[in-house]
Amino acid sequence: MNRKLRIALLVFFDLMAMWFIIPVAFSRIVNIGNITGIVLFESLFLLTYFSEKVLNFIKKMRTKKSGKIITNLACIALVAVFLLATTETALMVGAAAKDPEPSATVVVLGCRVYGERPSRMMVARLKAAQKYLEENPESACILSGGQGEDEDISEAECMYRYLVANGISPDRLYKEDKSTSTRENLLFSKEIIEREGLNKSIAIATNEFHEYRAQRIASSLGFESGAVSGKTEIWVVPTYHIRELYGILYEWIV
């Protein structure tokens, strides 16, 4: 391998690994997304660093029939993973760009609360919901999220306080404070929509990467839905993007 190319790749893989390490170091965010990213790019770093030895090992393996089979299967697996990730990413981008109908019922999907304070990701969702509600004064809004063990109030209550403090009338807000997953968010919100006679066309307020899976679940529950996407901060984008790839795959399988 060309020396300059090798150095460039080493720097690139190291920087990518750091991108996944930053959420761990500064916000103690540890999930399957950044674990995968760290392992992937540190492995690529080591493979590049020892590229000559790796290539010689592969050449030696391919002198045997069993070695050829193993290396061919490994290549097929890598291509399959790449195509799967690319397909999922395209679906995520498409879902995030899907506009909701005017005056749809907004369903804000809850996420972490620190004590009684909304996380940055929750604030991003709430800002997106607030903007849509201001532009669509006939829309109602369901705030969906239960209370975690380390949360002093429910996610629904935290979101309610935020929107009221930012000028949204309490009369437009409905709290759903029992859910513990995206499916429950939407299932329990459906019960409120039917009970209160709200518009059955919904606008899902969540982060961009989460819109596809949320809309897929909403469709399975009989909803027509669109995206009201909160902006994900750049330093956590790869971590949550990769975690969501696993989430989508799980949703497809089950």
C-alpha atoms as a PDB file:
ATOM      1  CA  MET A   1       0.000   0.000   0.000  1.00  0.00           C
ATOM      2  CA  ASN A   2       1.224   3.500  -0.836  1.00  0.00           C
ATOM      3  CA  ARG A   3       2.726   5.121   2.281  1.00  0.00           C
ATOM      4  CA  LYS A   4       0.747   8.381   1.953  1.00  0.00           C
ATOM      5  CA  LEU A   5      -2.506   6.485   1.405  1.00  0.00           C
ATOM      6  CA  ARG A   6      -1.738   4.289   4.420  1.00  0.00           C
ATOM      7  CA  ILE A   7      -1.141   7.310   6.645  1.00  0.00           C
ATOM      8  CA  ALA A   8      -4.302   9.024   5.383  1.00  0.00           C
ATOM      9  CA  LEU A   9      -6.378   5.906   6.113  1.00  0.00           C
ATOM     10  CA  LEU A  10      -4.864   5.540   9.585  1.00  0.00           C
ATOM     11  CA  VAL A  11      -5.738   9.144  10.419  1.00  0.00           C
ATOM     12  CA  PHE A  12      -9.250   8.783   8.983  1.00  0.00           C
ATOM     13  CA  PHE A  13     -10.032   5.567  10.883  1.00  0.00           C
ATOM     14  CA  ASP A  14      -8.646   7.038  14.110  1.00  0.00           C
ATOM     15  CA  LEU A  15     -10.768  10.184  13.754  1.00  0.00           C
ATOM     16  CA  MET A  16     -13.882   8.100  13.030  1.00  0.00           C
ATOM     17  CA  ALA A  17     -13.244   6.001  16.134  1.00  0.00           C
ATOM     18  CA  MET A  18     -12.903   9.209  18.161  1.00  0.00           C
ATOM     19  CA  TRP A  19     -16.284  10.385  16.828  1.00  0.00           C
ATOM     20  CA  PHE A  20     -17.831   7.359  18.499  1.00  0.00           C
ATOM     21  CA  ILE A  21     -15.767   7.743  21.672  1.00  0.00           C
ATOM     22  CA  ILE A  22     -16.773  11.395  22.291  1.00  0.00           C
ATOM     23  CA  PRO A  23     -20.352  10.576  23.472  1.00  0.00           C
ATOM     24  CA  VAL A  24     -18.880   8.046  25.922  1.00  0.00           C
ATOM     25  CA  ALA A  25     -16.273  10.456  27.238  1.00  0.00           C
ATOM     26  CA  PHE A  26     -18.440  13.570  27.590  1.00  0.00           C
ATOM     27  CA  SER A  27     -21.997  12.322  28.147  1.00  0.00           C
ATOM     28  CA  ARG A  28     -21.575   8.705  29.263  1.00  0.00           C
ATOM     29  CA  ILE A  29     -23.640   7.564  26.275  1.00  0.00           C
ATOM     30  CA  VAL A  30     -22.844   3.903  25.780  1.00  0.00           C
ATOM     31  CA  ASN A  31     -24.949   1.792  23.447  1.00  0.00           C
ATOM     32  CA  ILE A  32     -24.643  -0.735  20.647  1.00  0.00           C
ATOM     33  CA  GLY A  33     -24.153   2.135  18.187  1.00  0.00           C
ATOM     34  CA  ASN A  34     -20.917   3.544  19.544  1.00  0.00           C
ATOM     35  CA  ILE A  35     -19.633   0.132  20.623  1.00  0.00           C
ATOM     36  CA  THR A  36     -20.023  -1.041  17.016  1.00  0.00           C
ATOM     37  CA  GLY A  37     -18.406   2.124  15.654  1.00  0.00           C
ATOM     38  CA  ILE A  38     -15.422   1.943  17.986  1.00  0.00           C
ATOM     39  CA  VAL A  39     -14.815  -1.751  17.283  1.00  0.00           C
ATOM     40  CA  LEU A  40     -15.265  -1.260  13.525  1.00  0.00           C
ATOM     41  CA  PHE A  41     -12.900   1.679  13.063  1.00  0.00           C
ATOM     42  CA  GLU A  42     -10.268   0.498  15.536  1.00  0.00           C
ATOM     43  CA  SER A  43     -10.274  -2.841  13.679  1.00  0.00           C
ATOM     44  CA  LEU A  44      -9.856  -1.028  10.355  1.00  0.00           C
ATOM     45  CA  PHE A  45      -7.034   1.016  11.926  1.00  0.00           C
ATOM     46  CA  LEU A  46      -5.215  -2.147  13.012  1.00  0.00           C
ATOM     47  CA  LEU A  47      -5.807  -3.890   9.680  1.00  0.00           C
ATOM     48  CA  THR A  48      -4.348  -0.879   7.879  1.00  0.00           C
ATOM     49  CA  TYR A  49      -1.407  -0.581  10.278  1.00  0.00           C
ATOM     50  CA  PHE A  50      -0.552  -4.239   9.733  1.00  0.00           C
ATOM     51  CA  SER A  51      -1.726  -4.241   6.111  1.00  0.00           C
ATOM     52  CA  GLU A  52       1.322  -6.036   4.701  1.00  0.00           C
ATOM     53  CA  LYS A  53       1.053  -8.889   7.190  1.00  0.00           C
ATOM     54  CA  VAL A  54      -2.721  -9.084   6.680  1.00  0.00           C
ATOM     55  CA  LEU A  55      -2.401  -9.234   2.887  1.00  0.00           C
ATOM     56  CA  ASN A  56       0.306 -11.890   3.113  1.00  0.00           C
ATOM     57  CA  PHE A  57      -1.885 -13.923   5.447  1.00  0.00           C
ATOM     58  CA  ILE A  58      -4.842 -13.688   3.049  1.00  0.00           C
ATOM     59  CA  LYS A  59      -2.676 -14.690   0.098  1.00  0.00           C
ATOM     60  CA  LYS A  60      -1.428 -17.686   2.051  1.00  0.00           C
ATOM     61  CA  MET A  61      -4.996 -18.669   2.973  1.00  0.00           C
ATOM     62  CA  ARG A  62      -6.130 -18.486  -0.637  1.00  0.00           C
ATOM     63  CA  THR A  63      -3.569 -21.059  -1.690  1.00  0.00           C
ATOM     64  CA  LYS A  64      -5.857 -23.635  -0.083  1.00  0.00           C
ATOM     65  CA  LYS A  65      -9.405 -24.507  -1.133  1.00  0.00           C
ATOM     66  CA  SER A  66     -10.793 -24.008   2.377  1.00  0.00           C
ATOM     67  CA  GLY A  67      -9.049 -20.639   2.605  1.00  0.00           C
ATOM     68  CA  LYS A  68     -10.618 -19.485  -0.662  1.00  0.00           C
ATOM     69  CA  ILE A  69     -14.062 -20.485   0.588  1.00  0.00           C
ATOM     70  CA  ILE A  70     -13.587 -18.630   3.886  1.00  0.00           C
ATOM     71  CA  THR A  71     -12.282 -15.440   2.264  1.00  0.00           C
ATOM     72  CA  ASN A  72     -15.012 -15.489  -0.398  1.00  0.00           C
ATOM     73  CA  LEU A  73     -17.706 -15.919   2.253  1.00  0.00           C
ATOM     74  CA  ALA A  74     -16.173 -13.081   4.261  1.00  0.00           C
ATOM     75  CA  CYS A  75     -16.284 -10.795   1.202  1.00  0.00           C
ATOM     76  CA  ILE A  76     -19.911 -11.729   0.504  1.00  0.00           C
ATOM     77  CA  ALA A  77     -20.825 -11.039   4.138  1.00  0.00           C
ATOM     78  CA  LEU A  78     -19.139  -7.626   4.066  1.00  0.00           C
ATOM     79  CA  VAL A  79     -20.925  -6.661   0.846  1.00  0.00           C
ATOM     80  CA  ALA A  80     -24.262  -7.839   2.291  1.00  0.00           C
ATOM     81  CA  VAL A  81     -23.770  -5.783   5.463  1.00  0.00           C
ATOM     82  CA  PHE A  82     -22.841  -2.713   3.404  1.00  0.00           C
ATOM     83  CA  LEU A  83     -25.914  -3.063   1.167  1.00  0.00           C
ATOM     84  CA  LEU A  84     -28.179  -3.601   4.184  1.00  0.00           C
ATOM     85  CA  ALA A  85     -26.832  -0.515   5.955  1.00  0.00           C
ATOM     86  CA  THR A  86     -27.144   1.551   2.761  1.00  0.00           C
ATOM     87  CA  THR A  87     -30.742   0.441   2.217  1.00  0.00           C
ATOM     88  CA  GLU A  88     -31.711   1.214   5.808  1.00  0.00           C
ATOM     89  CA  THR A  89     -30.028   4.625   5.608  1.00  0.00           C
ATOM     90  CA  ALA A  90     -31.924   5.492   2.425  1.00  0.00           C
ATOM     91  CA  LEU A  91     -35.207   4.540   4.115  1.00  0.00           C
ATOM     92  CA  MET A  92     -34.316   6.668   7.149  1.00  0.00           C
ATOM     93  CA  VAL A  93     -33.559   9.693   4.973  1.00  0.00           C
ATOM     94  CA  GLY A  94     -36.773   9.243   3.000  1.00  0.00           C
ATOM     95  CA  ALA A  95     -38.916   8.946   6.124  1.00  0.00           C
ATOM     96  CA  ALA A  96     -37.377  12.062   7.699  1.00  0.00           C
ATOM     97  CA  ALA A  97     -38.298  14.016   4.545  1.00  0.00           C
ATOM     98  CA  LYS A  98     -41.940  12.893   4.531  1.00  0.00           C
ATOM     99  CA  ASP A  99     -44.138  15.930   5.288  1.00  0.00           C
ATOM    100  CA  PRO A 100     -47.189  15.450   7.511  1.00  0.00           C
ATOM    101  CA  GLU A 101     -50.635  16.643   6.528  1.00  0.00           C
ATOM    102  CA  PRO A 102     -51.692  20.135   7.694  1.00  0.00           C
ATOM    103  CA  SER A 103     -53.321  20.194  11.148  1.00  0.00           C
ATOM    104  CA  ALA A 104     -52.260  16.626  11.934  1.00  0.00           C
ATOM    105  CA  THR A 105     -52.175  15.428  15.520  1.00  0.00           C
ATOM    106  CA  VAL A 106     -48.590  15.748  16.741  1.00  0.00           C
ATOM    107  CA  VAL A 107     -47.221  12.765  18.671  1.00  0.00           C
ATOM    108  CA  VAL A 108     -43.974  13.619  20.444  1.00  0.00           C
ATOM    109  CA  LEU A 109     -41.991  10.502  21.277  1.00  0.00           C
ATOM    110  CA  GLY A 110     -40.324  10.718  24.647  1.00  0.00           C
ATOM    111  CA  CYS A 111     -36.682  10.167  25.464  1.00  0.00           C
ATOM    112  CA  ARG A 112     -34.368  10.600  28.423  1.00  0.00           C
ATOM    113  CA  VAL A 113     -35.107  13.057  31.225  1.00  0.00           C
ATOM    114  CA  TYR A 114     -32.384  14.064  33.705  1.00  0.00           C
ATOM    115  CA  GLY A 115     -34.229  14.471  36.985  1.00  0.00           C
ATOM    116  CA  GLU A 116     -36.859  16.953  35.828  1.00  0.00           C
ATOM    117  CA  ARG A 117     -34.767  18.382  32.999  1.00  0.00           C
ATOM    118  CA  PRO A 118     -35.200  17.364  29.336  1.00  0.00           C
ATOM    119  CA  SER A 119     -32.217  15.882  27.542  1.00  0.00           C
ATOM    120  CA  ARG A 120     -30.835  17.650  24.488  1.00  0.00           C
ATOM    121  CA  MET A 121     -32.444  15.065  22.240  1.00  0.00           C
ATOM    122  CA  MET A 122     -35.835  15.654  23.869  1.00  0.00           C
ATOM    123  CA  VAL A 123     -35.442  19.414  23.442  1.00  0.00           C
ATOM    124  CA  ALA A 124     -34.738  18.906  19.727  1.00  0.00           C
ATOM    125  CA  ARG A 125     -37.987  16.957  19.373  1.00  0.00           C
ATOM    126  CA  LEU A 126     -39.921  19.546  21.358  1.00  0.00           C
ATOM    127  CA  LYS A 127     -38.605  22.434  19.291  1.00  0.00           C
ATOM    128  CA  ALA A 128     -39.719  20.666  16.117  1.00  0.00           C
ATOM    129  CA  ALA A 129     -43.149  19.966  17.641  1.00  0.00           C
ATOM    130  CA  GLN A 130     -43.489  23.563  18.854  1.00  0.00           C
ATOM    131  CA  LYS A 131     -42.736  24.925  15.394  1.00  0.00           C
ATOM    132  CA  TYR A 132     -45.360  22.676  13.785  1.00  0.00           C
ATOM    133  CA  LEU A 133     -47.965  23.551  16.432  1.00  0.00           C
ATOM    134  CA  GLU A 134     -47.364  27.267  15.922  1.00  0.00           C
ATOM    135  CA  GLU A 135     -47.788  26.838  12.168  1.00  0.00           C
ATOM    136  CA  ASN A 136     -50.895  24.652  12.589  1.00  0.00           C
ATOM    137  CA  PRO A 137     -53.049  26.220  15.333  1.00  0.00           C
ATOM    138  CA  GLU A 138     -55.793  23.580  14.911  1.00  0.00           C
ATOM    139  CA  SER A 139     -53.443  20.719  15.762  1.00  0.00           C
ATOM    140  CA  ALA A 140     -53.520  18.900  19.077  1.00  0.00           C
ATOM    141  CA  CYS A 141     -50.422  17.293  20.546  1.00  0.00           C
ATOM    142  CA  ILE A 142     -49.862  14.066  22.463  1.00  0.00           C
ATOM    143  CA  LEU A 143     -46.781  13.909  24.675  1.00  0.00           C
ATOM    144  CA  SER A 144     -45.835  10.267  24.987  1.00  0.00           C
ATOM    145  CA  GLY A 145     -43.363   8.806  27.461  1.00  0.00           C
ATOM    146  CA  GLY A 146     -43.392   7.082  30.828  1.00  0.00           C
ATOM    147  CA  GLN A 147     -41.099   7.552  33.815  1.00  0.00           C
ATOM    148  CA  GLY A 148     -37.778   5.746  33.973  1.00  0.00           C
ATOM    149  CA  GLU A 149     -36.193   4.525  37.190  1.00  0.00           C
ATOM    150  CA  ASP A 150     -33.697   7.404  37.235  1.00  0.00           C
ATOM    151  CA  GLU A 151     -36.227  10.081  36.196  1.00  0.00           C
ATOM    152  CA  ASP A 152     -38.008  12.241  38.798  1.00  0.00           C
ATOM    153  CA  ILE A 153     -41.010  12.901  36.551  1.00  0.00           C
ATOM    154  CA  SER A 154     -42.483  11.198  33.509  1.00  0.00           C
ATOM    155  CA  GLU A 155     -41.190  12.143  30.074  1.00  0.00           C
ATOM    156  CA  ALA A 156     -44.731  13.239  29.201  1.00  0.00           C
ATOM    157  CA  GLU A 157     -44.815  15.648  32.153  1.00  0.00           C
ATOM    158  CA  CYS A 158     -41.386  17.042  31.288  1.00  0.00           C
ATOM    159  CA  MET A 159     -42.456  17.674  27.687  1.00  0.00           C
ATOM    160  CA  TYR A 160     -45.744  19.225  28.838  1.00  0.00           C
ATOM    161  CA  ARG A 161     -43.909  21.711  31.085  1.00  0.00           C
ATOM    162  CA  TYR A 162     -41.516  22.652  28.270  1.00  0.00           C
ATOM    163  CA  LEU A 163     -44.211  23.355  25.684  1.00  0.00           C
ATOM    164  CA  VAL A 164     -46.439  25.283  28.106  1.00  0.00           C
ATOM    165  CA  ALA A 165     -43.434  27.384  29.176  1.00  0.00           C
ATOM    166  CA  ASN A 166     -42.813  28.108  25.481  1.00  0.00           C
ATOM    167  CA  GLY A 167     -46.299  29.387  24.749  1.00  0.00           C
ATOM    168  CA  ILE A 168     -48.290  26.315  23.671  1.00  0.00           C
ATOM    169  CA  SER A 169     -51.773  26.270  25.227  1.00  0.00           C
ATOM    170  CA  PRO A 170     -52.322  23.430  27.730  1.00  0.00           C
ATOM    171  CA  ASP A 171     -55.716  22.852  26.083  1.00  0.00           C
ATOM    172  CA  ARG A 172     -53.918  21.453  23.025  1.00  0.00           C
ATOM    173  CA  LEU A 173     -51.744  19.024  24.986  1.00  0.00           C
ATOM    174  CA  TYR A 174     -52.489  15.457  26.078  1.00  0.00           C
ATOM    175  CA  LYS A 175     -50.127  13.473  28.310  1.00  0.00           C
ATOM    176  CA  GLU A 176     -49.523   9.765  27.774  1.00  0.00           C
ATOM    177  CA  ASP A 177     -47.263   8.715  30.641  1.00  0.00           C
ATOM    178  CA  LYS A 178     -47.300   4.903  30.667  1.00  0.00           C
ATOM    179  CA  SER A 179     -45.297   3.913  27.571  1.00  0.00           C
ATOM    180  CA  THR A 180     -41.806   2.429  27.675  1.00  0.00           C
ATOM    181  CA  SER A 181     -41.079   1.866  23.965  1.00  0.00           C
ATOM    182  CA  THR A 182     -41.765   3.387  20.555  1.00  0.00           C
ATOM    183  CA  ARG A 183     -44.522   0.855  19.885  1.00  0.00           C
ATOM    184  CA  GLU A 184     -46.197   1.667  23.195  1.00  0.00           C
ATOM    185  CA  ASN A 185     -45.778   5.417  22.501  1.00  0.00           C
ATOM    186  CA  LEU A 186     -47.859   5.058  19.376  1.00  0.00           C
ATOM    187  CA  LEU A 187     -50.266   2.392  20.625  1.00  0.00           C
ATOM    188  CA  PHE A 188     -51.221   4.342  23.751  1.00  0.00           C
ATOM    189  CA  SER A 189     -51.368   7.586  21.745  1.00  0.00           C
ATOM    190  CA  LYS A 190     -53.831   5.881  19.405  1.00  0.00           C
ATOM    191  CA  GLU A 191     -56.101   5.211  22.392  1.00  0.00           C
ATOM    192  CA  ILE A 192     -56.061   8.933  23.269  1.00  0.00           C
ATOM    193  CA  ILE A 193     -56.736   9.950  19.653  1.00  0.00           C
ATOM    194  CA  GLU A 194     -59.749   7.647  19.466  1.00  0.00           C
ATOM    195  CA  ARG A 195     -61.054   8.627  22.894  1.00  0.00           C
ATOM    196  CA  GLU A 196     -60.717  12.376  22.310  1.00  0.00           C
ATOM    197  CA  GLY A 197     -61.783  12.333  18.644  1.00  0.00           C
ATOM    198  CA  LEU A 198     -58.513  13.853  17.424  1.00  0.00           C
ATOM    199  CA  ASN A 199     -57.267  13.881  13.837  1.00  0.00           C
ATOM    200  CA  LYS A 200     -56.110  10.347  12.986  1.00  0.00           C
ATOM    201  CA  SER A 201     -53.462  11.672  10.631  1.00  0.00           C
ATOM    202  CA  ILE A 202     -50.381  12.151  12.803  1.00  0.00           C
ATOM    203  CA  ALA A 203     -47.105  14.051  12.700  1.00  0.00           C
ATOM    204  CA  ILE A 204     -44.414  12.129  14.550  1.00  0.00           C
ATOM    205  CA  ALA A 205     -41.997  14.389  16.404  1.00  0.00           C
ATOM    206  CA  THR A 206     -38.744  12.539  16.930  1.00  0.00           C
ATOM    207  CA  ASN A 207     -35.156  12.693  15.676  1.00  0.00           C
ATOM    208  CA  GLU A 208     -34.441  12.207  11.977  1.00  0.00           C
ATOM    209  CA  PHE A 209     -32.804   8.819  12.385  1.00  0.00           C
ATOM    210  CA  HIS A 210     -35.845   7.477  14.286  1.00  0.00           C
ATOM    211  CA  GLU A 211     -38.557   8.544  11.841  1.00  0.00           C
ATOM    212  CA  TYR A 212     -38.524   5.474   9.585  1.00  0.00           C
ATOM    213  CA  ARG A 213     -38.997   2.960  12.377  1.00  0.00           C
ATOM    214  CA  ALA A 214     -41.610   5.138  14.103  1.00  0.00           C
ATOM    215  CA  GLN A 215     -43.564   5.586  10.856  1.00  0.00           C
ATOM    216  CA  ARG A 216     -43.371   1.855  10.135  1.00  0.00           C
ATOM    217  CA  ILE A 217     -44.873   1.091  13.551  1.00  0.00           C
ATOM    218  CA  ALA A 218     -47.487   3.817  13.081  1.00  0.00           C
ATOM    219  CA  SER A 219     -48.510   2.274   9.748  1.00  0.00           C
ATOM    220  CA  SER A 220     -48.942  -1.134  11.400  1.00  0.00           C
ATOM    221  CA  LEU A 221     -51.356   0.539  13.834  1.00  0.00           C
ATOM    222  CA  GLY A 222     -53.406   2.062  11.009  1.00  0.00           C
ATOM    223  CA  PHE A 223     -52.011   5.610  11.079  1.00  0.00           C
ATOM    224  CA  GLU A 224     -51.184   7.902   8.179  1.00  0.00           C
ATOM    225  CA  SER A 225     -48.082   9.685   9.387  1.00  0.00           C
ATOM    226  CA  GLY A 226     -45.438  12.236   8.460  1.00  0.00           C
ATOM    227  CA  ALA A 227     -42.242  13.533  10.022  1.00  0.00           C
ATOM    228  CA  VAL A 228     -41.663  16.481  12.323  1.00  0.00           C
ATOM    229  CA  SER A 229     -37.980  15.899  12.860  1.00  0.00           C
ATOM    230  CA  GLY A 230     -35.764  17.289  15.570  1.00  0.00           C
ATOM    231  CA  LYS A 231     -32.152  17.978  14.595  1.00  0.00           C
ATOM    232  CA  THR A 232     -29.662  15.516  16.056  1.00  0.00           C
ATOM    233  CA  GLU A 233     -26.422  17.077  17.294  1.00  0.00           C
ATOM    234  CA  ILE A 234     -23.535  16.199  15.008  1.00  0.00           C
ATOM    235  CA  TRP A 235     -21.362  14.670  17.732  1.00  0.00           C
ATOM    236  CA  VAL A 236     -23.906  11.892  18.436  1.00  0.00           C
ATOM    237  CA  VAL A 237     -25.163  11.351  14.861  1.00  0.00           C
ATOM    238  CA  PRO A 238     -23.018   8.262  14.047  1.00  0.00           C
ATOM    239  CA  THR A 239     -23.698   6.658  17.430  1.00  0.00           C
ATOM    240  CA  TYR A 240     -27.464   6.890  17.123  1.00  0.00           C
ATOM    241  CA  HIS A 241     -27.478   6.222  13.392  1.00  0.00           C
ATOM    242  CA  ILE A 242     -25.775   2.856  13.823  1.00  0.00           C
ATOM    243  CA  ARG A 243     -27.917   1.997  16.852  1.00  0.00           C
ATOM    244  CA  GLU A 244     -30.993   2.677  14.731  1.00  0.00           C
ATOM    245  CA  LEU A 245     -29.721   0.332  11.998  1.00  0.00           C
ATOM    246  CA  TYR A 246     -29.919  -2.451  14.558  1.00  0.00           C
ATOM    247  CA  GLY A 247     -33.363  -1.247  15.660  1.00  0.00           C
ATOM    248  CA  ILE A 248     -34.725  -1.306  12.105  1.00  0.00           C
ATOM    249  CA  LEU A 249     -33.311  -4.776  11.484  1.00  0.00           C
ATOM    250  CA  TYR A 250     -34.960  -5.999  14.695  1.00  0.00           C
ATOM    251  CA  GLU A 251     -38.262  -4.427  13.626  1.00  0.00           C
ATOM    252  CA  TRP A 252     -38.059  -6.208  10.253  1.00  0.00           C
ATOM    253  CA  ILE A 253     -37.309  -9.567  11.862  1.00  0.00           C
ATOM    254  CA  VAL A 254     -39.949  -9.547  14.584  1.00  0.00           C
END
